[in-house]
Amino acid sequence: MKEADLMITKPGGLTVSEAFCVGVPMLMINPIPKQEINNARYIESCGAGIWARSAADVVHHVRELHTAHNRLFELRCETRKLASPQAAKMIADTVLLSLNNH
């Protein structure tokens, strides 16, 4: 995934987390109701990805990004801003602190 310029994917939680950590922008397709749709909306609103609502949208956006390297760069920069690579350690530290206080 690190080597990819763009990931065409469903916006599931684990996939989104990994994409954030490696800084790969997403072209999101076919999100399932509730969580994945919320993920797609959030990612698109942050400028870290594009929600393709149809197969024609996928083709359009891939062609556009293939020639608009600055747009792809912007998406990558915004994706990196959303990363929280230390999240698991922070959660573990919080749990351990809580256990030690009881």
N, C-alpha and C. Protein backbone atom coordinates (compact mmCIF):
# COMPACT_ATOMS: atom_id res chain seq x y z
N MET A 1 0.82 -1.20 0.00
CA MET A 1 0.00 0.00 0.00
C MET A 1 0.86 1.26 0.00
N LYS A 2 2.00 1.23 0.65
CA LYS A 2 2.87 2.40 0.71
C LYS A 2 3.29 2.88 -0.67
N GLU A 3 3.41 1.96 -1.61
CA GLU A 3 3.88 2.30 -2.95
C GLU A 3 2.78 2.86 -3.84
N ALA A 4 1.54 2.76 -3.41
CA ALA A 4 0.41 3.18 -4.25
C ALA A 4 0.29 4.71 -4.28
N ASP A 5 -0.14 5.22 -5.41
CA ASP A 5 -0.46 6.65 -5.52
C ASP A 5 -1.89 6.93 -5.09
N LEU A 6 -2.75 5.92 -5.25
CA LEU A 6 -4.16 6.07 -4.95
C LEU A 6 -4.72 4.69 -4.65
N MET A 7 -5.62 4.62 -3.68
CA MET A 7 -6.27 3.35 -3.37
C MET A 7 -7.74 3.46 -3.74
N ILE A 8 -8.20 2.54 -4.58
CA ILE A 8 -9.62 2.46 -4.91
C ILE A 8 -10.19 1.38 -4.01
N THR A 9 -11.09 1.78 -3.10
CA THR A 9 -11.50 0.88 -2.03
C THR A 9 -12.85 1.25 -1.44
N LYS A 10 -13.40 0.32 -0.70
CA LYS A 10 -14.53 0.63 0.17
C LYS A 10 -13.94 1.29 1.42
N PRO A 11 -14.63 2.26 2.00
CA PRO A 11 -14.07 2.97 3.15
C PRO A 11 -14.36 2.31 4.50
N GLY A 12 -13.92 1.06 4.64
CA GLY A 12 -14.06 0.36 5.91
C GLY A 12 -13.03 0.86 6.91
N GLY A 13 -13.31 0.67 8.18
CA GLY A 13 -12.47 1.21 9.24
C GLY A 13 -11.00 0.85 9.19
N LEU A 14 -10.69 -0.43 9.05
CA LEU A 14 -9.28 -0.84 9.04
C LEU A 14 -8.56 -0.35 7.79
N THR A 15 -9.22 -0.40 6.66
CA THR A 15 -8.62 0.08 5.42
C THR A 15 -8.33 1.57 5.51
N VAL A 16 -9.28 2.32 6.03
CA VAL A 16 -9.11 3.76 6.19
C VAL A 16 -7.95 4.06 7.14
N SER A 17 -7.88 3.36 8.25
CA SER A 17 -6.79 3.58 9.21
C SER A 17 -5.44 3.33 8.58
N GLU A 18 -5.32 2.24 7.84
CA GLU A 18 -4.05 1.93 7.20
C GLU A 18 -3.70 2.97 6.14
N ALA A 19 -4.68 3.39 5.36
CA ALA A 19 -4.44 4.41 4.34
C ALA A 19 -3.95 5.71 4.98
N PHE A 20 -4.57 6.11 6.09
CA PHE A 20 -4.13 7.31 6.80
C PHE A 20 -2.67 7.16 7.24
N CYS A 21 -2.33 6.03 7.83
CA CYS A 21 -0.99 5.83 8.37
C CYS A 21 0.09 5.85 7.30
N VAL A 22 -0.21 5.33 6.12
CA VAL A 22 0.80 5.33 5.05
C VAL A 22 0.65 6.52 4.11
N GLY A 23 -0.40 7.31 4.30
CA GLY A 23 -0.57 8.52 3.50
C GLY A 23 -1.03 8.30 2.08
N VAL A 24 -1.87 7.29 1.87
CA VAL A 24 -2.37 7.02 0.52
C VAL A 24 -3.81 7.52 0.42
N PRO A 25 -4.07 8.47 -0.48
CA PRO A 25 -5.44 8.95 -0.64
C PRO A 25 -6.35 7.88 -1.21
N MET A 26 -7.64 8.02 -0.96
CA MET A 26 -8.60 6.99 -1.35
C MET A 26 -9.62 7.52 -2.35
N LEU A 27 -9.92 6.68 -3.31
CA LEU A 27 -11.07 6.85 -4.18
C LEU A 27 -12.05 5.80 -3.70
N MET A 28 -13.07 6.25 -3.01
CA MET A 28 -13.95 5.33 -2.28
C MET A 28 -15.17 4.95 -3.11
N ILE A 29 -15.48 3.66 -3.08
CA ILE A 29 -16.61 3.13 -3.85
C ILE A 29 -17.50 2.27 -2.97
N ASN A 30 -18.76 2.23 -3.30
CA ASN A 30 -19.74 1.32 -2.69
C ASN A 30 -19.69 1.23 -1.16
N PRO A 31 -19.73 2.36 -0.45
CA PRO A 31 -19.75 2.25 1.02
C PRO A 31 -21.06 1.65 1.50
N ILE A 32 -20.98 0.83 2.53
CA ILE A 32 -22.21 0.28 3.09
C ILE A 32 -22.85 1.34 3.99
N PRO A 33 -24.17 1.26 4.15
CA PRO A 33 -24.86 2.28 4.96
C PRO A 33 -24.28 2.39 6.37
N LYS A 34 -24.46 3.55 6.90
CA LYS A 34 -24.03 3.97 8.23
C LYS A 34 -22.52 4.23 8.27
N GLN A 35 -21.75 3.30 8.83
CA GLN A 35 -20.34 3.56 9.12
C GLN A 35 -19.52 3.92 7.89
N GLU A 36 -19.59 3.12 6.84
CA GLU A 36 -18.76 3.40 5.67
C GLU A 36 -19.21 4.67 4.95
N ILE A 37 -20.50 4.93 4.93
CA ILE A 37 -20.97 6.19 4.33
C ILE A 37 -20.47 7.37 5.16
N ASN A 38 -20.53 7.24 6.48
CA ASN A 38 -20.00 8.30 7.34
C ASN A 38 -18.50 8.48 7.12
N ASN A 39 -17.77 7.38 6.99
CA ASN A 39 -16.34 7.46 6.70
C ASN A 39 -16.09 8.20 5.39
N ALA A 40 -16.83 7.83 4.35
CA ALA A 40 -16.66 8.46 3.03
C ALA A 40 -16.94 9.96 3.10
N ARG A 41 -18.00 10.33 3.78
CA ARG A 41 -18.33 11.76 3.92
C ARG A 41 -17.22 12.52 4.64
N TYR A 42 -16.75 11.93 5.74
CA TYR A 42 -15.71 12.58 6.53
C TYR A 42 -14.42 12.74 5.73
N ILE A 43 -13.98 11.66 5.11
CA ILE A 43 -12.73 11.68 4.35
C ILE A 43 -12.81 12.69 3.21
N GLU A 44 -13.93 12.69 2.51
CA GLU A 44 -14.10 13.64 1.41
C GLU A 44 -14.14 15.08 1.93
N SER A 45 -14.82 15.30 3.06
CA SER A 45 -14.91 16.66 3.62
C SER A 45 -13.55 17.17 4.10
N CYS A 46 -12.66 16.26 4.47
CA CYS A 46 -11.32 16.63 4.91
C CYS A 46 -10.35 16.80 3.74
N GLY A 47 -10.79 16.46 2.55
CA GLY A 47 -9.92 16.58 1.38
C GLY A 47 -8.92 15.46 1.25
N ALA A 48 -9.17 14.33 1.92
CA ALA A 48 -8.24 13.20 1.90
C ALA A 48 -8.66 12.09 0.95
N GLY A 49 -9.77 12.28 0.28
CA GLY A 49 -10.24 11.26 -0.64
C GLY A 49 -11.43 11.75 -1.43
N ILE A 50 -11.84 10.92 -2.36
CA ILE A 50 -12.97 11.24 -3.23
C ILE A 50 -13.95 10.08 -3.18
N TRP A 51 -15.22 10.40 -3.01
CA TRP A 51 -16.27 9.38 -2.99
C TRP A 51 -16.84 9.29 -4.40
N ALA A 52 -16.56 8.19 -5.07
CA ALA A 52 -17.10 7.93 -6.41
C ALA A 52 -18.45 7.25 -6.24
N ARG A 53 -19.49 7.89 -6.73
CA ARG A 53 -20.83 7.36 -6.53
C ARG A 53 -21.30 6.41 -7.63
N SER A 54 -20.47 6.24 -8.65
CA SER A 54 -20.81 5.32 -9.74
C SER A 54 -19.53 4.84 -10.41
N ALA A 55 -19.66 3.83 -11.25
CA ALA A 55 -18.50 3.33 -12.00
C ALA A 55 -17.97 4.42 -12.93
N ALA A 56 -18.87 5.20 -13.50
CA ALA A 56 -18.44 6.30 -14.36
C ALA A 56 -17.63 7.33 -13.58
N ASP A 57 -18.02 7.58 -12.32
CA ASP A 57 -17.25 8.48 -11.46
C ASP A 57 -15.84 7.95 -11.22
N VAL A 58 -15.71 6.65 -11.02
CA VAL A 58 -14.39 6.05 -10.80
C VAL A 58 -13.50 6.35 -12.00
N VAL A 59 -13.99 6.06 -13.19
CA VAL A 59 -13.22 6.29 -14.42
C VAL A 59 -12.87 7.77 -14.54
N HIS A 60 -13.83 8.64 -14.32
CA HIS A 60 -13.61 10.08 -14.43
C HIS A 60 -12.51 10.54 -13.47
N HIS A 61 -12.60 10.14 -12.21
CA HIS A 61 -11.64 10.60 -11.21
C HIS A 61 -10.25 10.00 -11.43
N VAL A 62 -10.17 8.76 -11.86
CA VAL A 62 -8.85 8.17 -12.14
C VAL A 62 -8.19 8.92 -13.29
N ARG A 63 -8.94 9.20 -14.34
CA ARG A 63 -8.38 9.97 -15.47
C ARG A 63 -7.94 11.35 -15.02
N GLU A 64 -8.78 12.00 -14.24
CA GLU A 64 -8.47 13.34 -13.75
C GLU A 64 -7.19 13.33 -12.90
N LEU A 65 -7.10 12.40 -11.97
CA LEU A 65 -5.94 12.34 -11.08
C LEU A 65 -4.68 11.90 -11.80
N HIS A 66 -4.83 11.15 -12.88
CA HIS A 66 -3.67 10.70 -13.66
C HIS A 66 -2.95 11.90 -14.29
N THR A 67 -3.71 12.93 -14.62
CA THR A 67 -3.10 14.10 -15.25
C THR A 67 -2.91 15.27 -14.29
N ALA A 68 -3.68 15.32 -13.22
CA ALA A 68 -3.62 16.43 -12.26
C ALA A 68 -2.78 16.02 -11.05
N HIS A 69 -1.47 15.97 -11.25
CA HIS A 69 -0.58 15.50 -10.18
C HIS A 69 -0.65 16.38 -8.94
N ASN A 70 -0.90 17.67 -9.13
CA ASN A 70 -1.01 18.56 -7.97
C ASN A 70 -2.22 18.20 -7.11
N ARG A 71 -3.30 17.79 -7.73
CA ARG A 71 -4.51 17.38 -6.98
C ARG A 71 -4.22 16.12 -6.18
N LEU A 72 -3.53 15.17 -6.79
CA LEU A 72 -3.17 13.94 -6.09
C LEU A 72 -2.24 14.25 -4.91
N PHE A 73 -1.30 15.17 -5.12
CA PHE A 73 -0.40 15.59 -4.05
C PHE A 73 -1.19 16.21 -2.89
N GLU A 74 -2.17 17.06 -3.21
CA GLU A 74 -3.01 17.67 -2.17
C GLU A 74 -3.77 16.62 -1.38
N LEU A 75 -4.34 15.64 -2.09
CA LEU A 75 -5.05 14.56 -1.41
C LEU A 75 -4.12 13.80 -0.47
N ARG A 76 -2.91 13.52 -0.93
CA ARG A 76 -1.92 12.80 -0.11
C ARG A 76 -1.58 13.61 1.14
N CYS A 77 -1.37 14.89 0.99
CA CYS A 77 -1.04 15.74 2.15
C CYS A 77 -2.17 15.74 3.17
N GLU A 78 -3.39 15.86 2.71
CA GLU A 78 -4.54 15.87 3.62
C GLU A 78 -4.72 14.51 4.29
N THR A 79 -4.42 13.44 3.56
CA THR A 79 -4.52 12.09 4.14
C THR A 79 -3.53 11.94 5.29
N ARG A 80 -2.32 12.41 5.09
CA ARG A 80 -1.30 12.30 6.14
C ARG A 80 -1.69 13.07 7.39
N LYS A 81 -2.40 14.17 7.22
CA LYS A 81 -2.83 14.96 8.38
C LYS A 81 -3.81 14.19 9.27
N LEU A 82 -4.52 13.24 8.68
CA LEU A 82 -5.52 12.48 9.44
C LEU A 82 -4.93 11.27 10.17
N ALA A 83 -3.68 10.97 9.92
CA ALA A 83 -3.05 9.79 10.52
C ALA A 83 -2.87 9.97 12.02
N SER A 84 -3.01 8.88 12.73
CA SER A 84 -2.74 8.84 14.16
C SER A 84 -2.00 7.53 14.45
N PRO A 85 -0.75 7.44 13.97
CA PRO A 85 -0.03 6.16 14.07
C PRO A 85 0.26 5.71 15.50
N GLN A 86 0.17 6.60 16.45
CA GLN A 86 0.42 6.23 17.85
C GLN A 86 -0.87 5.93 18.61
N ALA A 87 -1.99 5.83 17.91
CA ALA A 87 -3.29 5.64 18.57
C ALA A 87 -3.32 4.38 19.44
N ALA A 88 -2.83 3.27 18.93
CA ALA A 88 -2.87 2.02 19.70
C ALA A 88 -2.05 2.15 20.99
N LYS A 89 -0.88 2.78 20.90
CA LYS A 89 -0.05 2.97 22.09
C LYS A 89 -0.74 3.89 23.09
N MET A 90 -1.36 4.94 22.60
CA MET A 90 -2.07 5.86 23.50
C MET A 90 -3.22 5.15 24.22
N ILE A 91 -3.94 4.31 23.51
CA ILE A 91 -5.04 3.56 24.13
C ILE A 91 -4.49 2.60 25.17
N ALA A 92 -3.42 1.87 24.82
CA ALA A 92 -2.82 0.93 25.77
C ALA A 92 -2.32 1.65 27.02
N ASP A 93 -1.67 2.79 26.83
CA ASP A 93 -1.18 3.57 27.98
C ASP A 93 -2.33 4.02 28.88
N THR A 94 -3.43 4.44 28.28
CA THR A 94 -4.60 4.87 29.05
C THR A 94 -5.19 3.72 29.84
N VAL A 95 -5.29 2.55 29.22
CA VAL A 95 -5.83 1.37 29.90
C VAL A 95 -4.92 0.97 31.05
N LEU A 96 -3.60 0.93 30.81
CA LEU A 96 -2.66 0.56 31.86
C LEU A 96 -2.70 1.55 33.02
N LEU A 97 -2.78 2.82 32.71
CA LEU A 97 -2.87 3.84 33.75
C LEU A 97 -4.14 3.65 34.58
N SER A 98 -5.23 3.37 33.91
CA SER A 98 -6.49 3.14 34.60
C SER A 98 -6.41 1.90 35.50
N LEU A 99 -5.79 0.84 35.01
CA LEU A 99 -5.64 -0.38 35.81
C LEU A 99 -4.75 -0.15 37.02
N ASN A 100 -3.70 0.63 36.84
CA ASN A 100 -2.77 0.90 37.94
C ASN A 100 -3.39 1.79 39.01
N ASN A 101 -4.39 2.57 38.63
CA ASN A 101 -5.06 3.46 39.59
C ASN A 101 -6.18 2.78 40.35
N HIS A 102 -6.46 1.53 40.04
CA HIS A 102 -7.55 0.82 40.74
C HIS A 102 -7.01 -0.26 41.60
